[in-house]
Amino acid sequence: MKALRQIYDSMPPTIECPEDLRSRRVEVVFLALDEGDAQDATITAGWSDGLFERTAGAWQGEPLRRWPQGELA
């Protein structure tokens, strides 16, 4: 999978598509990086406020074990 990331300080009205990605199935995501939008991004992701603070380290059962995953091909 090829990923292309470009950060603009000021979003232009149009964005040029790289030649090798034209006529292909792609995903396009626009994510505002302004400070004021950070809280909105958390809410729209579906996570409730404070979820990670309440649940991090909360597992009280048997220790979890990750089995070997094998070699990468």
PDB file of N, CA and C in Angstrom:
ATOM      1  N   MET A   1       0.849  -1.174   0.000  1.00  0.00           N
ATOM      2  CA  MET A   1       0.000   0.000   0.000  1.00  0.00           C
ATOM      3  C   MET A   1       0.889   1.230   0.000  1.00  0.00           C
ATOM      4  N   LYS A   2       0.577   2.152  -0.858  1.00  0.00           N
ATOM      5  CA  LYS A   2       1.324   3.399  -0.942  1.00  0.00           C
ATOM      6  C   LYS A   2       0.542   4.484  -0.221  1.00  0.00           C
ATOM      7  N   ALA A   3       1.224   5.225   0.633  1.00  0.00           N
ATOM      8  CA  ALA A   3       0.589   6.333   1.337  1.00  0.00           C
ATOM      9  C   ALA A   3       1.296   7.621   0.960  1.00  0.00           C
ATOM     10  N   LEU A   4       0.521   8.642   0.733  1.00  0.00           N
ATOM     11  CA  LEU A   4       1.051   9.957   0.425  1.00  0.00           C
ATOM     12  C   LEU A   4       0.457  10.930   1.418  1.00  0.00           C
ATOM     13  N   ARG A   5       1.317  11.666   2.111  1.00  0.00           N
ATOM     14  CA  ARG A   5       0.836  12.604   3.117  1.00  0.00           C
ATOM     15  C   ARG A   5       1.375  13.980   2.791  1.00  0.00           C
ATOM     16  N   GLN A   6       0.515  14.961   2.800  1.00  0.00           N
ATOM     17  CA  GLN A   6       0.912  16.340   2.531  1.00  0.00           C
ATOM     18  C   GLN A   6       0.199  17.241   3.515  1.00  0.00           C
ATOM     19  N   ILE A   7       0.935  18.073   4.231  1.00  0.00           N
ATOM     20  CA  ILE A   7       0.342  19.027   5.164  1.00  0.00           C
ATOM     21  C   ILE A   7       0.443  20.411   4.551  1.00  0.00           C
ATOM     22  N   TYR A   8      -0.671  21.102   4.505  1.00  0.00           N
ATOM     23  CA  TYR A   8      -0.733  22.457   3.973  1.00  0.00           C
ATOM     24  C   TYR A   8      -0.952  23.432   5.124  1.00  0.00           C
ATOM     25  N   ASP A   9      -0.169  24.513   5.158  1.00  0.00           N
ATOM     26  CA  ASP A   9      -0.417  25.567   6.139  1.00  0.00           C
ATOM     27  C   ASP A   9      -1.678  26.340   5.779  1.00  0.00           C
ATOM     28  N   SER A  10      -1.982  26.392   4.485  1.00  0.00           N
ATOM     29  CA  SER A  10      -3.195  27.031   3.992  1.00  0.00           C
ATOM     30  C   SER A  10      -3.711  26.188   2.837  1.00  0.00           C
ATOM     31  N   MET A  11      -4.859  25.554   3.031  1.00  0.00           N
ATOM     32  CA  MET A  11      -5.409  24.622   2.050  1.00  0.00           C
ATOM     33  C   MET A  11      -5.700  25.321   0.728  1.00  0.00           C
ATOM     34  N   PRO A  12      -5.136  24.834  -0.397  1.00  0.00           N
ATOM     35  CA  PRO A  12      -5.434  25.427  -1.697  1.00  0.00           C
ATOM     36  C   PRO A  12      -6.829  25.004  -2.169  1.00  0.00           C
ATOM     37  N   PRO A  13      -7.412  25.731  -3.122  1.00  0.00           N
ATOM     38  CA  PRO A  13      -8.749  25.381  -3.595  1.00  0.00           C
ATOM     39  C   PRO A  13      -8.787  24.056  -4.363  1.00  0.00           C
ATOM     40  N   THR A  14      -7.668  23.648  -4.947  1.00  0.00           N
ATOM     41  CA  THR A  14      -7.594  22.362  -5.647  1.00  0.00           C
ATOM     42  C   THR A  14      -6.289  21.663  -5.266  1.00  0.00           C
ATOM     43  N   ILE A  15      -6.289  20.333  -5.358  1.00  0.00           N
ATOM     44  CA  ILE A  15      -5.102  19.545  -5.052  1.00  0.00           C
ATOM     45  C   ILE A  15      -4.813  18.650  -6.246  1.00  0.00           C
ATOM     46  N   GLU A  16      -3.584  18.676  -6.695  1.00  0.00           N
ATOM     47  CA  GLU A  16      -3.168  17.864  -7.841  1.00  0.00           C
ATOM     48  C   GLU A  16      -3.031  16.401  -7.419  1.00  0.00           C
ATOM     49  N   CYS A  17      -3.591  15.520  -8.207  1.00  0.00           N
ATOM     50  CA  CYS A  17      -3.496  14.085  -7.940  1.00  0.00           C
ATOM     51  C   CYS A  17      -2.208  13.546  -8.562  1.00  0.00           C
ATOM     52  N   PRO A  18      -1.393  12.814  -7.793  1.00  0.00           N
ATOM     53  CA  PRO A  18      -0.173  12.239  -8.366  1.00  0.00           C
ATOM     54  C   PRO A  18      -0.508  11.310  -9.546  1.00  0.00           C
ATOM     55  N   GLU A  19       0.320  11.352 -10.557  1.00  0.00           N
ATOM     56  CA  GLU A  19       0.091  10.588 -11.791  1.00  0.00           C
ATOM     57  C   GLU A  19      -0.128   9.094 -11.522  1.00  0.00           C
ATOM     58  N   ASP A  20       0.670   8.504 -10.634  1.00  0.00           N
ATOM     59  CA  ASP A  20       0.569   7.057 -10.399  1.00  0.00           C
ATOM     60  C   ASP A  20      -0.659   6.645  -9.589  1.00  0.00           C
ATOM     61  N   LEU A  21      -1.412   7.611  -9.065  1.00  0.00           N
ATOM     62  CA  LEU A  21      -2.639   7.284  -8.331  1.00  0.00           C
ATOM     63  C   LEU A  21      -3.906   7.554  -9.140  1.00  0.00           C
ATOM     64  N   ARG A  22      -3.770   8.141 -10.297  1.00  0.00           N
ATOM     65  CA  ARG A  22      -4.940   8.442 -11.129  1.00  0.00           C
ATOM     66  C   ARG A  22      -5.575   7.156 -11.641  1.00  0.00           C
ATOM     67  N   SER A  23      -6.881   7.176 -11.737  1.00  0.00           N
ATOM     68  CA  SER A  23      -7.667   6.030 -12.224  1.00  0.00           C
ATOM     69  C   SER A  23      -7.505   4.798 -11.347  1.00  0.00           C
ATOM     70  N   ARG A  24      -7.209   5.003 -10.071  1.00  0.00           N
ATOM     71  CA  ARG A  24      -7.090   3.892  -9.134  1.00  0.00           C
ATOM     72  C   ARG A  24      -8.053   4.117  -7.982  1.00  0.00           C
ATOM     73  N   ARG A  25      -8.350   3.073  -7.260  1.00  0.00           N
ATOM     74  CA  ARG A  25      -9.190   3.170  -6.069  1.00  0.00           C
ATOM     75  C   ARG A  25      -8.334   3.741  -4.943  1.00  0.00           C
ATOM     76  N   VAL A  26      -8.729   4.873  -4.399  1.00  0.00           N
ATOM     77  CA  VAL A  26      -7.966   5.537  -3.338  1.00  0.00           C
ATOM     78  C   VAL A  26      -8.907   6.018  -2.244  1.00  0.00           C
ATOM     79  N   GLU A  27      -8.347   6.317  -1.098  1.00  0.00           N
ATOM     80  CA  GLU A  27      -9.092   6.932  -0.014  1.00  0.00           C
ATOM     81  C   GLU A  27      -8.528   8.326   0.202  1.00  0.00           C
ATOM     82  N   VAL A  28      -9.398   9.310   0.282  1.00  0.00           N
ATOM     83  CA  VAL A  28      -8.986  10.688   0.512  1.00  0.00           C
ATOM     84  C   VAL A  28      -9.582  11.141   1.838  1.00  0.00           C
ATOM     85  N   VAL A  29      -8.731  11.663   2.725  1.00  0.00           N
ATOM     86  CA  VAL A  29      -9.169  12.120   4.039  1.00  0.00           C
ATOM     87  C   VAL A  29      -8.698  13.552   4.219  1.00  0.00           C
ATOM     88  N   PHE A  30      -9.617  14.431   4.596  1.00  0.00           N
ATOM     89  CA  PHE A  30      -9.264  15.802   4.944  1.00  0.00           C
ATOM     90  C   PHE A  30      -9.384  15.932   6.457  1.00  0.00           C
ATOM     91  N   LEU A  31      -8.308  16.323   7.118  1.00  0.00           N
ATOM     92  CA  LEU A  31      -8.285  16.430   8.561  1.00  0.00           C
ATOM     93  C   LEU A  31      -7.738  17.798   8.942  1.00  0.00           C
ATOM     94  N   ALA A  32      -8.580  18.636   9.536  1.00  0.00           N
ATOM     95  CA  ALA A  32      -8.132  19.962   9.963  1.00  0.00           C
ATOM     96  C   ALA A  32      -7.177  19.814  11.133  1.00  0.00           C
ATOM     97  N   LEU A  33      -6.057  20.527  11.094  1.00  0.00           N
ATOM     98  CA  LEU A  33      -5.046  20.430  12.140  1.00  0.00           C
ATOM     99  C   LEU A  33      -5.044  21.647  13.058  1.00  0.00           C
ATOM    100  N   ASP A  34      -6.060  22.466  12.958  1.00  0.00           N
ATOM    101  CA  ASP A  34      -6.161  23.635  13.829  1.00  0.00           C
ATOM    102  C   ASP A  34      -6.368  23.167  15.261  1.00  0.00           C
ATOM    103  N   GLU A  35      -5.828  23.905  16.222  1.00  0.00           N
ATOM    104  CA  GLU A  35      -5.968  23.543  17.633  1.00  0.00           C
ATOM    105  C   GLU A  35      -7.420  23.397  18.056  1.00  0.00           C
ATOM    106  N   GLY A  36      -8.283  24.292  17.622  1.00  0.00           N
ATOM    107  CA  GLY A  36      -9.684  24.277  18.019  1.00  0.00           C
ATOM    108  C   GLY A  36     -10.432  23.053  17.548  1.00  0.00           C
ATOM    109  N   ASP A  37      -9.910  22.358  16.530  1.00  0.00           N
ATOM    110  CA  ASP A  37     -10.608  21.202  15.982  1.00  0.00           C
ATOM    111  C   ASP A  37     -10.222  19.895  16.653  1.00  0.00           C
ATOM    112  N   ALA A  38      -9.219  19.900  17.529  1.00  0.00           N
ATOM    113  CA  ALA A  38      -8.753  18.658  18.151  1.00  0.00           C
ATOM    114  C   ALA A  38      -9.852  17.993  18.970  1.00  0.00           C
ATOM    115  N   GLN A  39     -10.599  18.732  19.751  1.00  0.00           N
ATOM    116  CA  GLN A  39     -11.672  18.171  20.565  1.00  0.00           C
ATOM    117  C   GLN A  39     -12.768  17.602  19.670  1.00  0.00           C
ATOM    118  N   ASP A  40     -13.107  18.308  18.597  1.00  0.00           N
ATOM    119  CA  ASP A  40     -14.143  17.834  17.682  1.00  0.00           C
ATOM    120  C   ASP A  40     -13.753  16.505  17.051  1.00  0.00           C
ATOM    121  N   ALA A  41     -12.481  16.317  16.725  1.00  0.00           N
ATOM    122  CA  ALA A  41     -12.033  15.070  16.117  1.00  0.00           C
ATOM    123  C   ALA A  41     -12.237  13.900  17.066  1.00  0.00           C
ATOM    124  N   THR A  42     -11.996  14.091  18.356  1.00  0.00           N
ATOM    125  CA  THR A  42     -12.196  13.028  19.337  1.00  0.00           C
ATOM    126  C   THR A  42     -13.665  12.646  19.426  1.00  0.00           C
ATOM    127  N   ILE A  43     -14.526  13.621  19.442  1.00  0.00           N
ATOM    128  CA  ILE A  43     -15.962  13.356  19.546  1.00  0.00           C
ATOM    129  C   ILE A  43     -16.472  12.633  18.312  1.00  0.00           C
ATOM    130  N   THR A  44     -16.075  13.069  17.121  1.00  0.00           N
ATOM    131  CA  THR A  44     -16.580  12.437  15.906  1.00  0.00           C
ATOM    132  C   THR A  44     -16.012  11.036  15.712  1.00  0.00           C
ATOM    133  N   ALA A  45     -14.898  10.714  16.383  1.00  0.00           N
ATOM    134  CA  ALA A  45     -14.353   9.362  16.276  1.00  0.00           C
ATOM    135  C   ALA A  45     -15.209   8.358  17.046  1.00  0.00           C
ATOM    136  N   GLY A  46     -16.127   8.834  17.876  1.00  0.00           N
ATOM    137  CA  GLY A  46     -17.026   7.943  18.588  1.00  0.00           C
ATOM    138  C   GLY A  46     -16.577   7.578  19.992  1.00  0.00           C
ATOM    139  N   TRP A  47     -15.438   8.085  20.442  1.00  0.00           N
ATOM    140  CA  TRP A  47     -14.959   7.779  21.779  1.00  0.00           C
ATOM    141  C   TRP A  47     -15.554   8.769  22.767  1.00  0.00           C
ATOM    142  N   SER A  48     -16.054   8.267  23.881  1.00  0.00           N
ATOM    143  CA  SER A  48     -16.609   9.167  24.892  1.00  0.00           C
ATOM    144  C   SER A  48     -15.480   9.900  25.602  1.00  0.00           C
ATOM    145  N   ASP A  49     -15.784  11.065  26.101  1.00  0.00           N
ATOM    146  CA  ASP A  49     -14.805  11.898  26.778  1.00  0.00           C
ATOM    147  C   ASP A  49     -14.240  11.170  28.008  1.00  0.00           C
ATOM    148  N   GLY A  50     -12.917  11.050  28.110  1.00  0.00           N
ATOM    149  CA  GLY A  50     -12.271  10.425  29.257  1.00  0.00           C
ATOM    150  C   GLY A  50     -12.226   8.906  29.221  1.00  0.00           C
ATOM    151  N   LEU A  51     -12.646   8.284  28.106  1.00  0.00           N
ATOM    152  CA  LEU A  51     -12.689   6.821  28.019  1.00  0.00           C
ATOM    153  C   LEU A  51     -11.326   6.197  28.311  1.00  0.00           C
ATOM    154  N   PHE A  52     -10.287   6.696  27.685  1.00  0.00           N
ATOM    155  CA  PHE A  52      -8.976   6.077  27.841  1.00  0.00           C
ATOM    156  C   PHE A  52      -8.414   6.282  29.242  1.00  0.00           C
ATOM    157  N   GLU A  53      -8.679   7.422  29.835  1.00  0.00           N
ATOM    158  CA  GLU A  53      -8.232   7.665  31.202  1.00  0.00           C
ATOM    159  C   GLU A  53      -8.926   6.716  32.179  1.00  0.00           C
ATOM    160  N   ARG A  54     -10.187   6.380  31.921  1.00  0.00           N
ATOM    161  CA  ARG A  54     -10.936   5.491  32.818  1.00  0.00           C
ATOM    162  C   ARG A  54     -10.575   4.025  32.626  1.00  0.00           C
ATOM    163  N   THR A  55     -10.141   3.638  31.433  1.00  0.00           N
ATOM    164  CA  THR A  55      -9.965   2.219  31.142  1.00  0.00           C
ATOM    165  C   THR A  55      -8.521   1.757  31.027  1.00  0.00           C
ATOM    166  N   ALA A  56      -7.573   2.647  30.839  1.00  0.00           N
ATOM    167  CA  ALA A  56      -6.170   2.241  30.699  1.00  0.00           C
ATOM    168  C   ALA A  56      -5.707   1.537  31.969  1.00  0.00           C
ATOM    169  N   GLY A  57      -5.189   0.324  31.827  1.00  0.00           N
ATOM    170  CA  GLY A  57      -4.688  -0.432  32.970  1.00  0.00           C
ATOM    171  C   GLY A  57      -5.772  -1.047  33.831  1.00  0.00           C
ATOM    172  N   ALA A  58      -7.007  -1.100  33.353  1.00  0.00           N
ATOM    173  CA  ALA A  58      -8.119  -1.575  34.176  1.00  0.00           C
ATOM    174  C   ALA A  58      -8.276  -3.101  34.175  1.00  0.00           C
ATOM    175  N   TRP A  59      -7.610  -3.825  33.281  1.00  0.00           N
ATOM    176  CA  TRP A  59      -7.751  -5.278  33.223  1.00  0.00           C
ATOM    177  C   TRP A  59      -7.269  -5.895  34.524  1.00  0.00           C
ATOM    178  N   GLN A  60      -8.110  -6.741  35.158  1.00  0.00           N
ATOM    179  CA  GLN A  60      -7.765  -7.344  36.435  1.00  0.00           C
ATOM    180  C   GLN A  60      -7.778  -8.866  36.386  1.00  0.00           C
ATOM    181  N   GLY A  61      -7.898  -9.437  35.200  1.00  0.00           N
ATOM    182  CA  GLY A  61      -7.915 -10.894  35.071  1.00  0.00           C
ATOM    183  C   GLY A  61      -6.510 -11.462  34.948  1.00  0.00           C
ATOM    184  N   GLU A  62      -6.438 -12.673  34.381  1.00  0.00           N
ATOM    185  CA  GLU A  62      -5.152 -13.318  34.155  1.00  0.00           C
ATOM    186  C   GLU A  62      -4.274 -12.425  33.279  1.00  0.00           C
ATOM    187  N   PRO A  63      -2.959 -12.474  33.483  1.00  0.00           N
ATOM    188  CA  PRO A  63      -2.080 -11.695  32.612  1.00  0.00           C
ATOM    189  C   PRO A  63      -2.286 -12.106  31.154  1.00  0.00           C
ATOM    190  N   LEU A  64      -2.341 -11.131  30.290  1.00  0.00           N
ATOM    191  CA  LEU A  64      -2.521 -11.405  28.867  1.00  0.00           C
ATOM    192  C   LEU A  64      -1.191 -11.848  28.270  1.00  0.00           C
ATOM    193  N   ARG A  65      -1.252 -12.821  27.362  1.00  0.00           N
ATOM    194  CA  ARG A  65      -0.040 -13.329  26.734  1.00  0.00           C
ATOM    195  C   ARG A  65      -0.188 -13.227  25.234  1.00  0.00           C
ATOM    196  N   ARG A  66       0.813 -12.677  24.605  1.00  0.00           N
ATOM    197  CA  ARG A  66       0.822 -12.615  23.145  1.00  0.00           C
ATOM    198  C   ARG A  66       1.709 -13.743  22.629  1.00  0.00           C
ATOM    199  N   TRP A  67       1.108 -14.664  21.881  1.00  0.00           N
ATOM    200  CA  TRP A  67       1.816 -15.799  21.353  1.00  0.00           C
ATOM    201  C   TRP A  67       2.674 -15.358  20.173  1.00  0.00           C
ATOM    202  N   PRO A  68       3.755 -16.103  19.885  1.00  0.00           N
ATOM    203  CA  PRO A  68       4.602 -15.757  18.741  1.00  0.00           C
ATOM    204  C   PRO A  68       3.778 -15.672  17.457  1.00  0.00           C
ATOM    205  N   GLN A  69       4.085 -14.686  16.642  1.00  0.00           N
ATOM    206  CA  GLN A  69       3.322 -14.441  15.424  1.00  0.00           C
ATOM    207  C   GLN A  69       3.953 -15.096  14.198  1.00  0.00           C
ATOM    208  N   GLY A  70       5.125 -15.696  14.348  1.00  0.00           N
ATOM    209  CA  GLY A  70       5.792 -16.306  13.207  1.00  0.00           C
ATOM    210  C   GLY A  70       6.658 -15.288  12.489  1.00  0.00           C
ATOM    211  N   GLU A  71       7.341 -15.763  11.483  1.00  0.00           N
ATOM    212  CA  GLU A  71       8.249 -14.912  10.703  1.00  0.00           C
ATOM    213  C   GLU A  71       7.487 -14.202   9.592  1.00  0.00           C
ATOM    214  N   LEU A  72       7.942 -13.016   9.273  1.00  0.00           N
ATOM    215  CA  LEU A  72       7.380 -12.280   8.128  1.00  0.00           C
ATOM    216  C   LEU A  72       7.948 -12.870   6.856  1.00  0.00           C
ATOM    217  N   ALA A  73       7.110 -12.971   5.875  1.00  0.00           N
ATOM    218  CA  ALA A  73       7.566 -13.535   4.595  1.00  0.00           C
ATOM    219  C   ALA A  73       8.303 -12.500   3.770  1.00  0.00           C
TER     220      ALA A  73
END
